[in-house]
Amino acid sequence: MERLWSPWRLDYVTGSKADVGCVFCTEQTLLESESLIVHTGSQCFVILNRYPYNPGHLMVLPNRHVPALADLSAEELHELADLTRLAESALVTAYRPQGINVGINLGLSAGAGIREHLHVHLVPRWNGDSNFITVVGNTRVLPEDLQQSTARLRPVFADLARKNVEAGGQAGG
């Protein structure tokens, strides 16, 4: 029998989370070496999911702690869309997925795990990926750890943002 070890998930699956406030707001205060943020715009940022479905699972969030799209300013909404597009390009460049799931879960009934701080998920997908094991074994198989994903994605975001500025766009998206 094979064993898949992922001890970092124990706190997540047992629900033993310390009350530290919003994990996304806290993440913005960490040093870059400790943070999973891979790109920062002026109003929004892109972060790796700490409990990913697949390697490269990203989330795009407004800096402001708001629960819904309706709470965003026009500028925040525009940058959220721009950074979602940039994140798609970064995933294609860094991981070459065969597809990407993009989605927003608004509210508990829609599956939002952290419903107080709006976030857009981007999950890279490949034909034959191992998501079946989540259903049958309550386990996720991740061939890359978060530090490797961060190191892979940060330079890709920086390069794509630089190219966007050179083409006359904005640095954020």
C-alpha atoms as a PDB file:
ATOM      1  CA  MET A   1       0.000   0.000   0.000  1.00  0.00           C
ATOM      2  CA  GLU A   2       1.218   3.483  -0.905  1.00  0.00           C
ATOM      3  CA  ARG A   3       1.105   6.298   1.630  1.00  0.00           C
ATOM      4  CA  LEU A   4       0.704   9.952   0.763  1.00  0.00           C
ATOM      5  CA  TRP A   5       1.992  12.207   3.540  1.00  0.00           C
ATOM      6  CA  SER A   6       0.719  15.769   3.799  1.00  0.00           C
ATOM      7  CA  PRO A   7       1.072  16.731   7.479  1.00  0.00           C
ATOM      8  CA  TRP A   8       0.690  20.436   6.666  1.00  0.00           C
ATOM      9  CA  ARG A   9      -3.010  19.764   5.930  1.00  0.00           C
ATOM     10  CA  LEU A  10      -3.848  18.496   9.444  1.00  0.00           C
ATOM     11  CA  ASP A  11      -4.894  21.899  10.787  1.00  0.00           C
ATOM     12  CA  TYR A  12      -7.075  22.416   7.722  1.00  0.00           C
ATOM     13  CA  VAL A  13      -8.887  19.078   7.805  1.00  0.00           C
ATOM     14  CA  THR A  14      -9.387  19.039  11.589  1.00  0.00           C
ATOM     15  CA  GLY A  15     -10.637  22.609  11.677  1.00  0.00           C
ATOM     16  CA  SER A  16      -8.138  23.583  14.376  1.00  0.00           C
ATOM     17  CA  LYS A  17      -7.465  27.051  13.076  1.00  0.00           C
ATOM     18  CA  ALA A  18      -6.335  29.736  15.503  1.00  0.00           C
ATOM     19  CA  ASP A  19      -8.390  32.926  15.363  1.00  0.00           C
ATOM     20  CA  VAL A  20      -5.829  35.080  13.564  1.00  0.00           C
ATOM     21  CA  GLY A  21      -8.303  37.208  11.640  1.00  0.00           C
ATOM     22  CA  CYS A  22      -8.490  37.147   7.867  1.00  0.00           C
ATOM     23  CA  VAL A  23      -5.736  34.942   6.441  1.00  0.00           C
ATOM     24  CA  PHE A  24      -5.663  37.033   3.261  1.00  0.00           C
ATOM     25  CA  CYS A  25      -5.266  40.330   5.127  1.00  0.00           C
ATOM     26  CA  THR A  26      -2.589  38.745   7.343  1.00  0.00           C
ATOM     27  CA  GLU A  27      -0.741  37.439   4.286  1.00  0.00           C
ATOM     28  CA  GLN A  28      -0.344  41.008   3.015  1.00  0.00           C
ATOM     29  CA  THR A  29       1.658  41.908   6.154  1.00  0.00           C
ATOM     30  CA  LEU A  30       4.219  39.086   5.873  1.00  0.00           C
ATOM     31  CA  LEU A  31       7.755  39.413   4.579  1.00  0.00           C
ATOM     32  CA  GLU A  32       8.095  38.348   0.943  1.00  0.00           C
ATOM     33  CA  SER A  33      10.149  35.304   1.992  1.00  0.00           C
ATOM     34  CA  GLU A  34       7.239  34.092   4.167  1.00  0.00           C
ATOM     35  CA  SER A  35       4.374  35.122   1.888  1.00  0.00           C
ATOM     36  CA  LEU A  36       2.586  33.155  -0.811  1.00  0.00           C
ATOM     37  CA  ILE A  37       1.791  36.373  -2.711  1.00  0.00           C
ATOM     38  CA  VAL A  38       3.225  36.045  -6.206  1.00  0.00           C
ATOM     39  CA  HIS A  39       2.148  39.410  -7.654  1.00  0.00           C
ATOM     40  CA  THR A  40       0.848  42.708  -6.327  1.00  0.00           C
ATOM     41  CA  GLY A  41      -1.116  45.331  -8.222  1.00  0.00           C
ATOM     42  CA  SER A  42      -2.219  48.715  -6.899  1.00  0.00           C
ATOM     43  CA  GLN A  43      -5.643  47.516  -5.621  1.00  0.00           C
ATOM     44  CA  CYS A  44      -5.450  43.710  -5.789  1.00  0.00           C
ATOM     45  CA  PHE A  45      -2.959  40.874  -5.446  1.00  0.00           C
ATOM     46  CA  VAL A  46      -2.384  37.283  -6.582  1.00  0.00           C
ATOM     47  CA  ILE A  47      -1.598  34.557  -4.067  1.00  0.00           C
ATOM     48  CA  LEU A  48      -1.061  30.810  -4.089  1.00  0.00           C
ATOM     49  CA  ASN A  49      -3.748  28.815  -2.316  1.00  0.00           C
ATOM     50  CA  ARG A  50      -2.241  27.385   0.901  1.00  0.00           C
ATOM     51  CA  TYR A  51      -4.457  24.290   0.466  1.00  0.00           C
ATOM     52  CA  PRO A  52      -4.341  23.857  -3.329  1.00  0.00           C
ATOM     53  CA  TYR A  53      -6.352  21.510  -5.501  1.00  0.00           C
ATOM     54  CA  ASN A  54      -3.443  21.323  -7.960  1.00  0.00           C
ATOM     55  CA  PRO A  55       0.045  22.839  -8.237  1.00  0.00           C
ATOM     56  CA  GLY A  56      -0.186  26.504  -9.185  1.00  0.00           C
ATOM     57  CA  HIS A  57      -3.696  26.996  -7.695  1.00  0.00           C
ATOM     58  CA  LEU A  58      -3.917  30.799  -7.539  1.00  0.00           C
ATOM     59  CA  MET A  59      -6.362  33.285  -6.087  1.00  0.00           C
ATOM     60  CA  VAL A  60      -6.840  36.926  -7.073  1.00  0.00           C
ATOM     61  CA  LEU A  61      -8.097  39.236  -4.309  1.00  0.00           C
ATOM     62  CA  PRO A  62      -8.760  42.903  -3.671  1.00  0.00           C
ATOM     63  CA  ASN A  63      -6.507  44.437  -1.014  1.00  0.00           C
ATOM     64  CA  ARG A  64      -9.653  45.587   0.774  1.00  0.00           C
ATOM     65  CA  HIS A  65     -11.489  43.119   2.979  1.00  0.00           C
ATOM     66  CA  VAL A  66     -14.869  42.874   1.190  1.00  0.00           C
ATOM     67  CA  PRO A  67     -17.188  39.867   0.734  1.00  0.00           C
ATOM     68  CA  ALA A  68     -18.790  40.485  -2.678  1.00  0.00           C
ATOM     69  CA  LEU A  69     -18.246  41.828  -6.175  1.00  0.00           C
ATOM     70  CA  ALA A  70     -20.946  44.433  -5.461  1.00  0.00           C
ATOM     71  CA  ASP A  71     -18.705  45.895  -2.724  1.00  0.00           C
ATOM     72  CA  LEU A  72     -15.815  46.640  -5.101  1.00  0.00           C
ATOM     73  CA  SER A  73     -15.119  50.021  -6.610  1.00  0.00           C
ATOM     74  CA  ALA A  74     -14.954  50.189 -10.401  1.00  0.00           C
ATOM     75  CA  GLU A  75     -11.152  50.432 -10.190  1.00  0.00           C
ATOM     76  CA  GLU A  76     -10.909  47.372  -7.931  1.00  0.00           C
ATOM     77  CA  LEU A  77     -13.220  45.364 -10.165  1.00  0.00           C
ATOM     78  CA  HIS A  78     -11.221  46.321 -13.258  1.00  0.00           C
ATOM     79  CA  GLU A  79      -7.912  45.353 -11.663  1.00  0.00           C
ATOM     80  CA  LEU A  80      -9.408  42.108 -10.306  1.00  0.00           C
ATOM     81  CA  ALA A  81     -10.318  41.175 -13.896  1.00  0.00           C
ATOM     82  CA  ASP A  82      -6.936  42.324 -15.247  1.00  0.00           C
ATOM     83  CA  LEU A  83      -5.025  40.301 -12.651  1.00  0.00           C
ATOM     84  CA  THR A  84      -7.212  37.255 -13.283  1.00  0.00           C
ATOM     85  CA  ARG A  85      -6.231  37.518 -16.947  1.00  0.00           C
ATOM     86  CA  LEU A  86      -2.561  37.973 -15.969  1.00  0.00           C
ATOM     87  CA  ALA A  87      -2.784  34.944 -13.644  1.00  0.00           C
ATOM     88  CA  GLU A  88      -4.182  32.863 -16.517  1.00  0.00           C
ATOM     89  CA  SER A  89      -1.210  33.859 -18.683  1.00  0.00           C
ATOM     90  CA  ALA A  90       1.240  33.135 -15.848  1.00  0.00           C
ATOM     91  CA  LEU A  91      -0.209  29.657 -15.299  1.00  0.00           C
ATOM     92  CA  VAL A  92      -0.062  28.865 -19.008  1.00  0.00           C
ATOM     93  CA  THR A  93       3.565  30.033 -19.134  1.00  0.00           C
ATOM     94  CA  ALA A  94       4.727  28.322 -15.931  1.00  0.00           C
ATOM     95  CA  TYR A  95       2.708  25.085 -15.942  1.00  0.00           C
ATOM     96  CA  ARG A  96       1.347  24.503 -19.465  1.00  0.00           C
ATOM     97  CA  PRO A  97      -2.039  23.232 -18.186  1.00  0.00           C
ATOM     98  CA  GLN A  98      -4.539  21.717 -20.577  1.00  0.00           C
ATOM     99  CA  GLY A  99      -7.302  23.757 -18.944  1.00  0.00           C
ATOM    100  CA  ILE A 100      -7.938  26.170 -16.072  1.00  0.00           C
ATOM    101  CA  ASN A 101     -10.960  26.309 -13.774  1.00  0.00           C
ATOM    102  CA  VAL A 102     -11.770  29.939 -12.886  1.00  0.00           C
ATOM    103  CA  GLY A 103     -14.410  30.693 -10.285  1.00  0.00           C
ATOM    104  CA  ILE A 104     -15.732  32.778  -7.410  1.00  0.00           C
ATOM    105  CA  ASN A 105     -17.672  31.210  -4.537  1.00  0.00           C
ATOM    106  CA  LEU A 106     -19.939  33.863  -2.999  1.00  0.00           C
ATOM    107  CA  GLY A 107     -21.432  32.756   0.318  1.00  0.00           C
ATOM    108  CA  LEU A 108     -21.303  29.604   2.413  1.00  0.00           C
ATOM    109  CA  SER A 109     -23.892  27.728   0.335  1.00  0.00           C
ATOM    110  CA  ALA A 110     -21.809  28.364  -2.794  1.00  0.00           C
ATOM    111  CA  GLY A 111     -18.762  26.759  -1.174  1.00  0.00           C
ATOM    112  CA  ALA A 112     -16.866  29.838  -0.016  1.00  0.00           C
ATOM    113  CA  GLY A 113     -14.400  28.724   2.644  1.00  0.00           C
ATOM    114  CA  ILE A 114     -13.440  32.293   3.467  1.00  0.00           C
ATOM    115  CA  ARG A 115     -16.525  34.237   2.517  1.00  0.00           C
ATOM    116  CA  GLU A 116     -15.576  37.540   4.155  1.00  0.00           C
ATOM    117  CA  HIS A 117     -12.761  38.342   1.676  1.00  0.00           C
ATOM    118  CA  LEU A 118     -13.696  37.978  -1.993  1.00  0.00           C
ATOM    119  CA  HIS A 119     -11.292  35.865  -4.048  1.00  0.00           C
ATOM    120  CA  VAL A 120     -11.176  34.444  -7.567  1.00  0.00           C
ATOM    121  CA  HIS A 121      -9.765  30.906  -7.902  1.00  0.00           C
ATOM    122  CA  LEU A 122      -7.673  29.772 -10.867  1.00  0.00           C
ATOM    123  CA  VAL A 123      -6.947  26.031 -10.805  1.00  0.00           C
ATOM    124  CA  PRO A 124      -4.722  24.599 -13.549  1.00  0.00           C
ATOM    125  CA  ARG A 125      -5.963  21.249 -14.871  1.00  0.00           C
ATOM    126  CA  TRP A 126      -4.474  18.427 -16.935  1.00  0.00           C
ATOM    127  CA  ASN A 127      -6.085  15.446 -18.635  1.00  0.00           C
ATOM    128  CA  GLY A 128      -5.844  12.561 -16.195  1.00  0.00           C
ATOM    129  CA  ASP A 129      -4.911  14.694 -13.194  1.00  0.00           C
ATOM    130  CA  SER A 130      -5.495  12.992  -9.870  1.00  0.00           C
ATOM    131  CA  ASN A 131      -8.519  14.891  -8.573  1.00  0.00           C
ATOM    132  CA  PHE A 132     -10.389  11.581  -8.327  1.00  0.00           C
ATOM    133  CA  ILE A 133      -8.338  10.762  -5.236  1.00  0.00           C
ATOM    134  CA  THR A 134      -9.915  13.720  -3.416  1.00  0.00           C
ATOM    135  CA  VAL A 135     -13.270  11.990  -3.759  1.00  0.00           C
ATOM    136  CA  VAL A 136     -12.236   8.388  -3.091  1.00  0.00           C
ATOM    137  CA  GLY A 137      -9.390   8.942  -0.643  1.00  0.00           C
ATOM    138  CA  ASN A 138     -10.032  12.371   0.905  1.00  0.00           C
ATOM    139  CA  THR A 139      -6.465  13.218  -0.141  1.00  0.00           C
ATOM    140  CA  ARG A 140      -4.817  15.539  -2.643  1.00  0.00           C
ATOM    141  CA  VAL A 141      -1.671  14.634  -4.533  1.00  0.00           C
ATOM    142  CA  LEU A 142       0.584  17.635  -5.153  1.00  0.00           C
ATOM    143  CA  PRO A 143       3.893  17.064  -6.920  1.00  0.00           C
ATOM    144  CA  GLU A 144       5.236  20.546  -6.066  1.00  0.00           C
ATOM    145  CA  ASP A 145       5.419  22.298  -2.690  1.00  0.00           C
ATOM    146  CA  LEU A 146       4.276  25.888  -2.195  1.00  0.00           C
ATOM    147  CA  GLN A 147       7.789  27.355  -2.008  1.00  0.00           C
ATOM    148  CA  GLN A 148       8.611  25.803  -5.390  1.00  0.00           C
ATOM    149  CA  SER A 149       5.368  27.174  -6.831  1.00  0.00           C
ATOM    150  CA  THR A 150       6.149  30.636  -5.458  1.00  0.00           C
ATOM    151  CA  ALA A 151       9.666  30.555  -6.907  1.00  0.00           C
ATOM    152  CA  ARG A 152       8.287  29.385 -10.269  1.00  0.00           C
ATOM    153  CA  LEU A 153       5.493  31.978 -10.518  1.00  0.00           C
ATOM    154  CA  ARG A 154       6.989  35.233  -9.159  1.00  0.00           C
ATOM    155  CA  PRO A 155       9.438  35.744 -12.048  1.00  0.00           C
ATOM    156  CA  VAL A 156       6.750  34.830 -14.591  1.00  0.00           C
ATOM    157  CA  PHE A 157       4.375  37.461 -13.154  1.00  0.00           C
ATOM    158  CA  ALA A 158       7.186  40.055 -13.087  1.00  0.00           C
ATOM    159  CA  ASP A 159       8.076  39.336 -16.726  1.00  0.00           C
ATOM    160  CA  LEU A 160       4.455  39.406 -17.924  1.00  0.00           C
ATOM    161  CA  ALA A 161       3.735  42.643 -16.013  1.00  0.00           C
ATOM    162  CA  ARG A 162       6.882  44.258 -17.490  1.00  0.00           C
ATOM    163  CA  LYS A 163       5.842  43.218 -21.009  1.00  0.00           C
ATOM    164  CA  ASN A 164       2.359  44.609 -20.393  1.00  0.00           C
ATOM    165  CA  VAL A 165       3.788  47.997 -19.359  1.00  0.00           C
ATOM    166  CA  GLU A 166       6.061  48.027 -22.402  1.00  0.00           C
ATOM    167  CA  ALA A 167       3.003  47.374 -24.575  1.00  0.00           C
ATOM    168  CA  GLY A 168       1.275  50.389 -23.066  1.00  0.00           C
ATOM    169  CA  GLY A 169      -0.790  48.632 -20.398  1.00  0.00           C
ATOM    170  CA  GLN A 170      -0.710  48.908 -16.632  1.00  0.00           C
ATOM    171  CA  ALA A 171       1.786  47.163 -14.335  1.00  0.00           C
ATOM    172  CA  GLY A 172      -0.967  45.465 -12.338  1.00  0.00           C
ATOM    173  CA  GLY A 173      -2.564  43.659 -15.223  1.00  0.00           C
END
